[in-house]
């Protein structure tokens, strides 16, 4: 089994950081998001993840953490939205 899933690799590439820069609790959040997506048979995507969460860094070039964006609560809304997730603006 590889140390990182394809979703985790895509997430790290998107935010352009090393795995060691994420605070340990972030890995639990990322893994939980992916597990829920797998449970509901919805593909975990970076776009969907960042629709619900955002990156916060107290010091530039330091560790960072992930925080919920506040788009409402509830698993039903989360996975109803994940069926047609919004796309990231570039």
PDB file of N, CA and C in Angstrom:
ATOM      1  N   UNK A   1       0.852  -1.186   0.000  1.00  0.00           N
ATOM      2  CA  UNK A   1       0.000   0.000   0.000  1.00  0.00           C
ATOM      3  C   UNK A   1       0.896   1.248   0.000  1.00  0.00           C
ATOM      4  N   UNK A   2       0.652   2.168  -0.921  1.00  0.00           N
ATOM      5  CA  UNK A   2       1.478   3.385  -0.949  1.00  0.00           C
ATOM      6  C   UNK A   2       1.215   4.249   0.284  1.00  0.00           C
ATOM      7  N   UNK A   3       2.192   5.062   0.657  1.00  0.00           N
ATOM      8  CA  UNK A   3       2.019   5.894   1.856  1.00  0.00           C
ATOM      9  C   UNK A   3       0.951   6.972   1.697  1.00  0.00           C
ATOM     10  N   UNK A   4       0.674   7.410   0.466  1.00  0.00           N
ATOM     11  CA  UNK A   4      -0.341   8.441   0.233  1.00  0.00           C
ATOM     12  C   UNK A   4      -1.297   7.986  -0.849  1.00  0.00           C
ATOM     13  N   UNK A   5      -2.551   8.360  -0.693  1.00  0.00           N
ATOM     14  CA  UNK A   5      -3.543   8.065  -1.719  1.00  0.00           C
ATOM     15  C   UNK A   5      -3.400   9.081  -2.856  1.00  0.00           C
ATOM     16  N   UNK A   6      -4.037   8.790  -3.977  1.00  0.00           N
ATOM     17  CA  UNK A   6      -4.012   9.738  -5.102  1.00  0.00           C
ATOM     18  C   UNK A   6      -4.619  11.074  -4.698  1.00  0.00           C
ATOM     19  N   UNK A   7      -5.679  11.035  -3.888  1.00  0.00           N
ATOM     20  CA  UNK A   7      -6.321  12.274  -3.417  1.00  0.00           C
ATOM     21  C   UNK A   7      -5.354  13.088  -2.560  1.00  0.00           C
ATOM     22  N   UNK A   8      -4.651  12.443  -1.640  1.00  0.00           N
ATOM     23  CA  UNK A   8      -3.706  13.157  -0.775  1.00  0.00           C
ATOM     24  C   UNK A   8      -2.570  13.774  -1.598  1.00  0.00           C
ATOM     25  N   UNK A   9      -2.093  13.054  -2.596  1.00  0.00           N
ATOM     26  CA  UNK A   9      -1.036  13.586  -3.463  1.00  0.00           C
ATOM     27  C   UNK A   9      -1.544  14.800  -4.240  1.00  0.00           C
ATOM     28  N   UNK A  10      -2.762  14.700  -4.775  1.00  0.00           N
ATOM     29  CA  UNK A  10      -3.343  15.833  -5.510  1.00  0.00           C
ATOM     30  C   UNK A  10      -3.517  17.038  -4.594  1.00  0.00           C
ATOM     31  N   UNK A  11      -3.933  16.799  -3.364  1.00  0.00           N
ATOM     32  CA  UNK A  11      -4.118  17.882  -2.383  1.00  0.00           C
ATOM     33  C   UNK A  11      -2.784  18.559  -2.070  1.00  0.00           C
ATOM     34  N   UNK A  12      -1.753  17.769  -1.809  1.00  0.00           N
ATOM     35  CA  UNK A  12      -0.427  18.329  -1.517  1.00  0.00           C
ATOM     36  C   UNK A  12       0.124  19.096  -2.716  1.00  0.00           C
ATOM     37  N   UNK A  13      -0.080  18.572  -3.911  1.00  0.00           N
ATOM     38  CA  UNK A  13       0.384  19.279  -5.112  1.00  0.00           C
ATOM     39  C   UNK A  13      -0.364  20.590  -5.297  1.00  0.00           C
ATOM     40  N   UNK A  14      -1.656  20.591  -5.005  1.00  0.00           N
ATOM     41  CA  UNK A  14      -2.455  21.807  -5.173  1.00  0.00           C
ATOM     42  C   UNK A  14      -1.987  22.926  -4.240  1.00  0.00           C
ATOM     43  N   UNK A  15      -1.697  22.571  -2.994  1.00  0.00           N
ATOM     44  CA  UNK A  15      -1.272  23.607  -2.039  1.00  0.00           C
ATOM     45  C   UNK A  15       0.240  23.792  -2.028  1.00  0.00           C
ATOM     46  N   UNK A  16       0.940  22.982  -2.836  1.00  0.00           N
ATOM     47  CA  UNK A  16       2.393  23.108  -3.015  1.00  0.00           C
ATOM     48  C   UNK A  16       3.150  23.073  -1.703  1.00  0.00           C
ATOM     49  N   UNK A  17       2.998  21.957  -1.008  1.00  0.00           N
ATOM     50  CA  UNK A  17       3.710  21.820   0.258  1.00  0.00           C
ATOM     51  C   UNK A  17       4.160  20.385   0.473  1.00  0.00           C
ATOM     52  N   UNK A  18       5.068  20.234   1.385  1.00  0.00           N
ATOM     53  CA  UNK A  18       5.532  18.910   1.795  1.00  0.00           C
ATOM     54  C   UNK A  18       4.557  18.341   2.828  1.00  0.00           C
ATOM     55  N   UNK A  19       4.438  17.036   2.907  1.00  0.00           N
ATOM     56  CA  UNK A  19       3.532  16.436   3.890  1.00  0.00           C
ATOM     57  C   UNK A  19       3.825  16.861   5.331  1.00  0.00           C
ATOM     58  N   UNK A  20       5.079  17.116   5.633  1.00  0.00           N
ATOM     59  CA  UNK A  20       5.454  17.483   7.002  1.00  0.00           C
ATOM     60  C   UNK A  20       5.004  18.894   7.393  1.00  0.00           C
ATOM     61  N   UNK A  21       4.544  19.700   6.425  1.00  0.00           N
ATOM     62  CA  UNK A  21       4.098  21.058   6.736  1.00  0.00           C
ATOM     63  C   UNK A  21       2.660  21.102   7.247  1.00  0.00           C
ATOM     64  N   UNK A  22       1.916  20.002   7.064  1.00  0.00           N
ATOM     65  CA  UNK A  22       0.534  19.959   7.557  1.00  0.00           C
ATOM     66  C   UNK A  22       0.527  19.569   9.023  1.00  0.00           C
ATOM     67  N   UNK A  23      -0.221  20.300   9.824  1.00  0.00           N
ATOM     68  CA  UNK A  23      -0.364  19.932  11.230  1.00  0.00           C
ATOM     69  C   UNK A  23      -0.994  18.543  11.308  1.00  0.00           C
ATOM     70  N   UNK A  24      -0.602  17.753  12.305  1.00  0.00           N
ATOM     71  CA  UNK A  24      -1.063  16.362  12.378  1.00  0.00           C
ATOM     72  C   UNK A  24      -2.584  16.190  12.316  1.00  0.00           C
ATOM     73  N   UNK A  25      -3.346  17.059  12.934  1.00  0.00           N
ATOM     74  CA  UNK A  25      -4.801  16.915  12.907  1.00  0.00           C
ATOM     75  C   UNK A  25      -5.367  17.098  11.508  1.00  0.00           C
ATOM     76  N   UNK A  26      -4.649  17.786  10.636  1.00  0.00           N
ATOM     77  CA  UNK A  26      -5.110  17.964   9.259  1.00  0.00           C
ATOM     78  C   UNK A  26      -5.191  16.631   8.540  1.00  0.00           C
ATOM     79  N   UNK A  27      -4.251  15.741   8.837  1.00  0.00           N
ATOM     80  CA  UNK A  27      -4.261  14.434   8.179  1.00  0.00           C
ATOM     81  C   UNK A  27      -5.500  13.647   8.555  1.00  0.00           C
ATOM     82  N   UNK A  28      -5.975  13.806   9.775  1.00  0.00           N
ATOM     83  CA  UNK A  28      -7.204  13.134  10.197  1.00  0.00           C
ATOM     84  C   UNK A  28      -8.383  13.702   9.420  1.00  0.00           C
ATOM     85  N   UNK A  29      -8.428  15.003   9.247  1.00  0.00           N
ATOM     86  CA  UNK A  29      -9.496  15.645   8.485  1.00  0.00           C
ATOM     87  C   UNK A  29      -9.490  15.187   7.023  1.00  0.00           C
ATOM     88  N   UNK A  30      -8.319  15.171   6.414  1.00  0.00           N
ATOM     89  CA  UNK A  30      -8.198  14.753   5.014  1.00  0.00           C
ATOM     90  C   UNK A  30      -8.624  13.287   4.862  1.00  0.00           C
ATOM     91  N   UNK A  31      -8.145  12.431   5.741  1.00  0.00           N
ATOM     92  CA  UNK A  31      -8.501  11.019   5.690  1.00  0.00           C
ATOM     93  C   UNK A  31      -9.981  10.781   5.934  1.00  0.00           C
ATOM     94  N   UNK A  32     -10.557  11.545   6.849  1.00  0.00           N
ATOM     95  CA  UNK A  32     -11.991  11.419   7.133  1.00  0.00           C
ATOM     96  C   UNK A  32     -12.831  11.859   5.943  1.00  0.00           C
ATOM     97  N   UNK A  33     -12.430  12.954   5.306  1.00  0.00           N
ATOM     98  CA  UNK A  33     -13.136  13.424   4.121  1.00  0.00           C
ATOM     99  C   UNK A  33     -13.107  12.352   3.033  1.00  0.00           C
ATOM    100  N   UNK A  34     -11.936  11.780   2.808  1.00  0.00           N
ATOM    101  CA  UNK A  34     -11.802  10.754   1.781  1.00  0.00           C
ATOM    102  C   UNK A  34     -12.595   9.500   2.144  1.00  0.00           C
ATOM    103  N   UNK A  35     -12.596   9.120   3.415  1.00  0.00           N
ATOM    104  CA  UNK A  35     -13.353   7.940   3.849  1.00  0.00           C
ATOM    105  C   UNK A  35     -14.854   8.144   3.657  1.00  0.00           C
ATOM    106  N   UNK A  36     -15.348   9.344   3.983  1.00  0.00           N
ATOM    107  CA  UNK A  36     -16.771   9.626   3.782  1.00  0.00           C
ATOM    108  C   UNK A  36     -17.131   9.620   2.300  1.00  0.00           C
ATOM    109  N   UNK A  37     -16.255  10.162   1.488  1.00  0.00           N
ATOM    110  CA  UNK A  37     -16.504  10.132   0.042  1.00  0.00           C
ATOM    111  C   UNK A  37     -16.576   8.686  -0.448  1.00  0.00           C
ATOM    112  N   UNK A  38     -15.641   7.861  -0.001  1.00  0.00           N
ATOM    113  CA  UNK A  38     -15.654   6.451  -0.397  1.00  0.00           C
ATOM    114  C   UNK A  38     -16.914   5.756   0.085  1.00  0.00           C
ATOM    115  N   UNK A  39     -17.342   6.045   1.296  1.00  0.00           N
ATOM    116  CA  UNK A  39     -18.541   5.427   1.856  1.00  0.00           C
ATOM    117  C   UNK A  39     -19.773   5.762   1.017  1.00  0.00           C
ATOM    118  N   UNK A  40     -19.884   7.022   0.603  1.00  0.00           N
ATOM    119  CA  UNK A  40     -21.036   7.462  -0.186  1.00  0.00           C
ATOM    120  C   UNK A  40     -20.826   7.298  -1.693  1.00  0.00           C
ATOM    121  N   UNK A  41     -19.703   6.639  -2.058  1.00  0.00           N
ATOM    122  CA  UNK A  41     -19.385   6.375  -3.464  1.00  0.00           C
ATOM    123  C   UNK A  41     -19.318   7.653  -4.305  1.00  0.00           C
ATOM    124  N   UNK A  42     -18.682   8.665  -3.711  1.00  0.00           N
ATOM    125  CA  UNK A  42     -18.455   9.950  -4.367  1.00  0.00           C
ATOM    126  C   UNK A  42     -16.945  10.123  -4.469  1.00  0.00           C
ATOM    127  N   UNK A  43     -16.471  10.521  -5.629  1.00  0.00           N
ATOM    128  CA  UNK A  43     -15.028  10.698  -5.806  1.00  0.00           C
ATOM    129  C   UNK A  43     -14.535  11.901  -5.000  1.00  0.00           C
ATOM    130  N   UNK A  44     -13.505  11.683  -4.200  1.00  0.00           N
ATOM    131  CA  UNK A  44     -12.890  12.774  -3.432  1.00  0.00           C
ATOM    132  C   UNK A  44     -12.031  13.595  -4.389  1.00  0.00           C
ATOM    133  N   UNK A  45     -12.353  14.873  -4.533  1.00  0.00           N
ATOM    134  CA  UNK A  45     -11.580  15.752  -5.410  1.00  0.00           C
ATOM    135  C   UNK A  45     -11.061  16.943  -4.618  1.00  0.00           C
ATOM    136  N   UNK A  46     -10.006  17.528  -5.123  1.00  0.00           N
ATOM    137  CA  UNK A  46      -9.428  18.717  -4.485  1.00  0.00           C
ATOM    138  C   UNK A  46     -10.440  19.864  -4.520  1.00  0.00           C
ATOM    139  N   UNK A  47     -11.149  20.008  -5.632  1.00  0.00           N
ATOM    140  CA  UNK A  47     -12.136  21.086  -5.758  1.00  0.00           C
ATOM    141  C   UNK A  47     -13.222  20.964  -4.692  1.00  0.00           C
ATOM    142  N   UNK A  48     -13.724  19.745  -4.526  1.00  0.00           N
ATOM    143  CA  UNK A  48     -14.766  19.528  -3.524  1.00  0.00           C
ATOM    144  C   UNK A  48     -14.222  19.774  -2.121  1.00  0.00           C
ATOM    145  N   UNK A  49     -13.000  19.313  -1.856  1.00  0.00           N
ATOM    146  CA  UNK A  49     -12.405  19.501  -0.537  1.00  0.00           C
ATOM    147  C   UNK A  49     -12.293  20.984  -0.199  1.00  0.00           C
ATOM    148  N   UNK A  50     -11.792  21.780  -1.143  1.00  0.00           N
ATOM    149  CA  UNK A  50     -11.600  23.199  -0.859  1.00  0.00           C
ATOM    150  C   UNK A  50     -12.884  24.018  -0.958  1.00  0.00           C
ATOM    151  N   UNK A  51     -13.953  23.409  -1.384  1.00  0.00           N
ATOM    152  CA  UNK A  51     -15.259  24.065  -1.277  1.00  0.00           C
ATOM    153  C   UNK A  51     -15.671  24.123   0.199  1.00  0.00           C
ATOM    154  N   UNK A  52     -15.300  23.106   0.949  1.00  0.00           N
ATOM    155  CA  UNK A  52     -15.685  23.015   2.357  1.00  0.00           C
ATOM    156  C   UNK A  52     -14.602  23.454   3.332  1.00  0.00           C
ATOM    157  N   UNK A  53     -13.342  23.430   2.909  1.00  0.00           N
ATOM    158  CA  UNK A  53     -12.235  23.743   3.815  1.00  0.00           C
ATOM    159  C   UNK A  53     -11.293  24.756   3.182  1.00  0.00           C
ATOM    160  N   UNK A  54     -10.544  25.449   4.023  1.00  0.00           N
ATOM    161  CA  UNK A  54      -9.553  26.409   3.558  1.00  0.00           C
ATOM    162  C   UNK A  54      -8.259  26.213   4.325  1.00  0.00           C
ATOM    163  N   UNK A  55      -7.160  26.668   3.731  1.00  0.00           N
ATOM    164  CA  UNK A  55      -5.836  26.562   4.344  1.00  0.00           C
ATOM    165  C   UNK A  55      -5.559  27.829   5.129  1.00  0.00           C
ATOM    166  N   UNK A  56      -5.066  27.662   6.348  1.00  0.00           N
ATOM    167  CA  UNK A  56      -4.644  28.794   7.172  1.00  0.00           C
ATOM    168  C   UNK A  56      -3.223  28.531   7.651  1.00  0.00           C
ATOM    169  N   UNK A  57      -2.396  29.553   7.579  1.00  0.00           N
ATOM    170  CA  UNK A  57      -1.011  29.437   8.018  1.00  0.00           C
ATOM    171  C   UNK A  57      -0.692  30.607   8.943  1.00  0.00           C
ATOM    172  N   UNK A  58      -0.396  30.320  10.213  1.00  0.00           N
ATOM    173  CA  UNK A  58      -0.076  31.413  11.140  1.00  0.00           C
ATOM    174  C   UNK A  58       1.190  32.176  10.750  1.00  0.00           C
ATOM    175  N   UNK A  59       2.176  31.483  10.201  1.00  0.00           N
ATOM    176  CA  UNK A  59       3.443  32.105   9.786  1.00  0.00           C
ATOM    177  C   UNK A  59       3.786  31.625   8.391  1.00  0.00           C
ATOM    178  N   UNK A  60       4.107  32.531   7.491  1.00  0.00           N
ATOM    179  CA  UNK A  60       4.475  32.155   6.126  1.00  0.00           C
ATOM    180  C   UNK A  60       5.656  31.183   6.149  1.00  0.00           C
ATOM    181  N   UNK A  61       5.576  30.125   5.353  1.00  0.00           N
ATOM    182  CA  UNK A  61       6.655  29.148   5.272  1.00  0.00           C
ATOM    183  C   UNK A  61       6.712  28.198   6.446  1.00  0.00           C
ATOM    184  N   UNK A  62       5.672  28.224   7.272  1.00  0.00           N
ATOM    185  CA  UNK A  62       5.634  27.386   8.467  1.00  0.00           C
ATOM    186  C   UNK A  62       4.555  26.321   8.290  1.00  0.00           C
ATOM    187  N   UNK A  63       4.212  25.669   9.367  1.00  0.00           N
ATOM    188  CA  UNK A  63       3.131  24.704   9.357  1.00  0.00           C
ATOM    189  C   UNK A  63       1.840  25.417   9.015  1.00  0.00           C
ATOM    190  N   UNK A  64       0.860  24.658   8.576  1.00  0.00           N
ATOM    191  CA  UNK A  64      -0.451  25.234   8.322  1.00  0.00           C
ATOM    192  C   UNK A  64      -1.519  24.254   8.778  1.00  0.00           C
ATOM    193  N   UNK A  65      -2.729  24.745   8.863  1.00  0.00           N
ATOM    194  CA  UNK A  65      -3.847  23.900   9.258  1.00  0.00           C
ATOM    195  C   UNK A  65      -5.031  24.162   8.331  1.00  0.00           C
ATOM    196  N   UNK A  66      -5.991  23.263   8.370  1.00  0.00           N
ATOM    197  CA  UNK A  66      -7.193  23.360   7.543  1.00  0.00           C
ATOM    198  C   UNK A  66      -8.363  23.733   8.428  1.00  0.00           C
ATOM    199  N   UNK A  67      -9.252  24.556   7.896  1.00  0.00           N
ATOM    200  CA  UNK A  67     -10.390  25.045   8.664  1.00  0.00           C
ATOM    201  C   UNK A  67     -11.641  24.984   7.795  1.00  0.00           C
ATOM    202  N   UNK A  68     -12.764  24.643   8.409  1.00  0.00           N
ATOM    203  CA  UNK A  68     -14.035  24.597   7.676  1.00  0.00           C
ATOM    204  C   UNK A  68     -14.409  25.998   7.220  1.00  0.00           C
ATOM    205  N   UNK A  69     -15.014  26.085   6.052  1.00  0.00           N
ATOM    206  CA  UNK A  69     -15.411  27.373   5.486  1.00  0.00           C
ATOM    207  C   UNK A  69     -16.743  27.875   6.020  1.00  0.00           C
ATOM    208  N   UNK A  70     -17.593  27.013   6.514  1.00  0.00           N
ATOM    209  CA  UNK A  70     -18.878  27.462   7.041  1.00  0.00           C
ATOM    210  C   UNK A  70     -19.973  27.553   6.002  1.00  0.00           C
ATOM    211  N   UNK A  71     -20.015  26.614   5.056  1.00  0.00           N
ATOM    212  CA  UNK A  71     -21.075  26.570   4.048  1.00  0.00           C
ATOM    213  C   UNK A  71     -22.303  25.826   4.568  1.00  0.00           C
ATOM    214  N   UNK A  72     -22.520  25.804   5.833  1.00  0.00           N
ATOM    215  CA  UNK A  72     -23.630  25.031   6.385  1.00  0.00           C
ATOM    216  C   UNK A  72     -23.095  23.729   6.934  1.00  0.00           C
ATOM    217  N   UNK A  73     -23.916  23.049   7.669  1.00  0.00           N
ATOM    218  CA  UNK A  73     -23.461  21.810   8.268  1.00  0.00           C
ATOM    219  C   UNK A  73     -24.357  20.665   7.839  1.00  0.00           C
ATOM    220  N   UNK A  74     -23.916  19.499   8.142  1.00  0.00           N
ATOM    221  CA  UNK A  74     -24.711  18.309   7.869  1.00  0.00           C
ATOM    222  C   UNK A  74     -24.155  17.485   6.737  1.00  0.00           C
ATOM    223  N   UNK A  75     -24.074  16.206   6.968  1.00  0.00           N
ATOM    224  CA  UNK A  75     -23.533  15.296   5.974  1.00  0.00           C
ATOM    225  C   UNK A  75     -24.403  15.263   4.727  1.00  0.00           C
ATOM    226  N   UNK A  76     -25.726  15.375   4.871  1.00  0.00           N
ATOM    227  CA  UNK A  76     -26.599  15.331   3.700  1.00  0.00           C
ATOM    228  C   UNK A  76     -26.261  16.469   2.738  1.00  0.00           C
ATOM    229  N   UNK A  77     -26.090  17.683   3.256  1.00  0.00           N
ATOM    230  CA  UNK A  77     -25.752  18.814   2.394  1.00  0.00           C
ATOM    231  C   UNK A  77     -24.368  18.622   1.778  1.00  0.00           C
ATOM    232  N   UNK A  78     -23.415  18.155   2.577  1.00  0.00           N
ATOM    233  CA  UNK A  78     -22.058  17.952   2.076  1.00  0.00           C
ATOM    234  C   UNK A  78     -22.070  17.027   0.872  1.00  0.00           C
ATOM    235  N   UNK A  79     -22.740  15.893   0.980  1.00  0.00           N
ATOM    236  CA  UNK A  79     -22.689  14.933  -0.108  1.00  0.00           C
ATOM    237  C   UNK A  79     -23.690  15.222  -1.211  1.00  0.00           C
ATOM    238  N   UNK A  80     -24.716  15.982  -0.938  1.00  0.00           N
ATOM    239  CA  UNK A  80     -25.588  16.442  -2.020  1.00  0.00           C
ATOM    240  C   UNK A  80     -24.787  17.397  -2.897  1.00  0.00           C
ATOM    241  N   UNK A  81     -24.018  18.290  -2.290  1.00  0.00           N
ATOM    242  CA  UNK A  81     -23.180  19.226  -3.036  1.00  0.00           C
ATOM    243  C   UNK A  81     -22.030  18.513  -3.746  1.00  0.00           C
ATOM    244  N   UNK A  82     -21.502  17.435  -3.165  1.00  0.00           N
ATOM    245  CA  UNK A  82     -20.374  16.736  -3.762  1.00  0.00           C
ATOM    246  C   UNK A  82     -20.747  16.026  -5.049  1.00  0.00           C
ATOM    247  N   UNK A  83     -22.027  15.729  -5.240  1.00  0.00           N
ATOM    248  CA  UNK A  83     -22.428  15.078  -6.471  1.00  0.00           C
ATOM    249  C   UNK A  83     -22.201  15.999  -7.673  1.00  0.00           C
ATOM    250  N   UNK A  84     -22.253  17.298  -7.457  1.00  0.00           N
ATOM    251  CA  UNK A  84     -21.972  18.279  -8.501  1.00  0.00           C
ATOM    252  C   UNK A  84     -21.158  19.403  -7.868  1.00  0.00           C
ATOM    253  N   UNK A  85     -19.873  19.120  -7.540  1.00  0.00           N
ATOM    254  CA  UNK A  85     -19.074  20.107  -6.796  1.00  0.00           C
ATOM    255  C   UNK A  85     -18.748  21.336  -7.625  1.00  0.00           C
ATOM    256  N   UNK A  86     -18.606  22.481  -6.966  1.00  0.00           N
ATOM    257  CA  UNK A  86     -18.195  23.689  -7.680  1.00  0.00           C
ATOM    258  C   UNK A  86     -16.740  23.557  -8.126  1.00  0.00           C
ATOM    259  N   UNK A  87     -16.385  24.257  -9.163  1.00  0.00           N
ATOM    260  CA  UNK A  87     -15.011  24.220  -9.681  1.00  0.00           C
ATOM    261  C   UNK A  87     -14.230  25.397  -9.103  1.00  0.00           C
ATOM    262  N   UNK A  88     -12.939  25.140  -8.878  1.00  0.00           N
ATOM    263  CA  UNK A  88     -12.059  26.194  -8.370  1.00  0.00           C
ATOM    264  C   UNK A  88     -11.856  27.259  -9.438  1.00  0.00           C
ATOM    265  N   UNK A  89     -11.865  28.506  -9.019  1.00  0.00           N
ATOM    266  CA  UNK A  89     -11.550  29.618  -9.921  1.00  0.00           C
ATOM    267  C   UNK A  89     -10.033  29.710 -10.016  1.00  0.00           C
ATOM    268  N   UNK A  90      -9.523  29.856 -11.212  1.00  0.00           N
ATOM    269  CA  UNK A  90      -8.053  29.980 -11.359  1.00  0.00           C
ATOM    270  C   UNK A  90      -7.682  31.335 -11.858  1.00  0.00           C
TER     271      UNK A  90
END
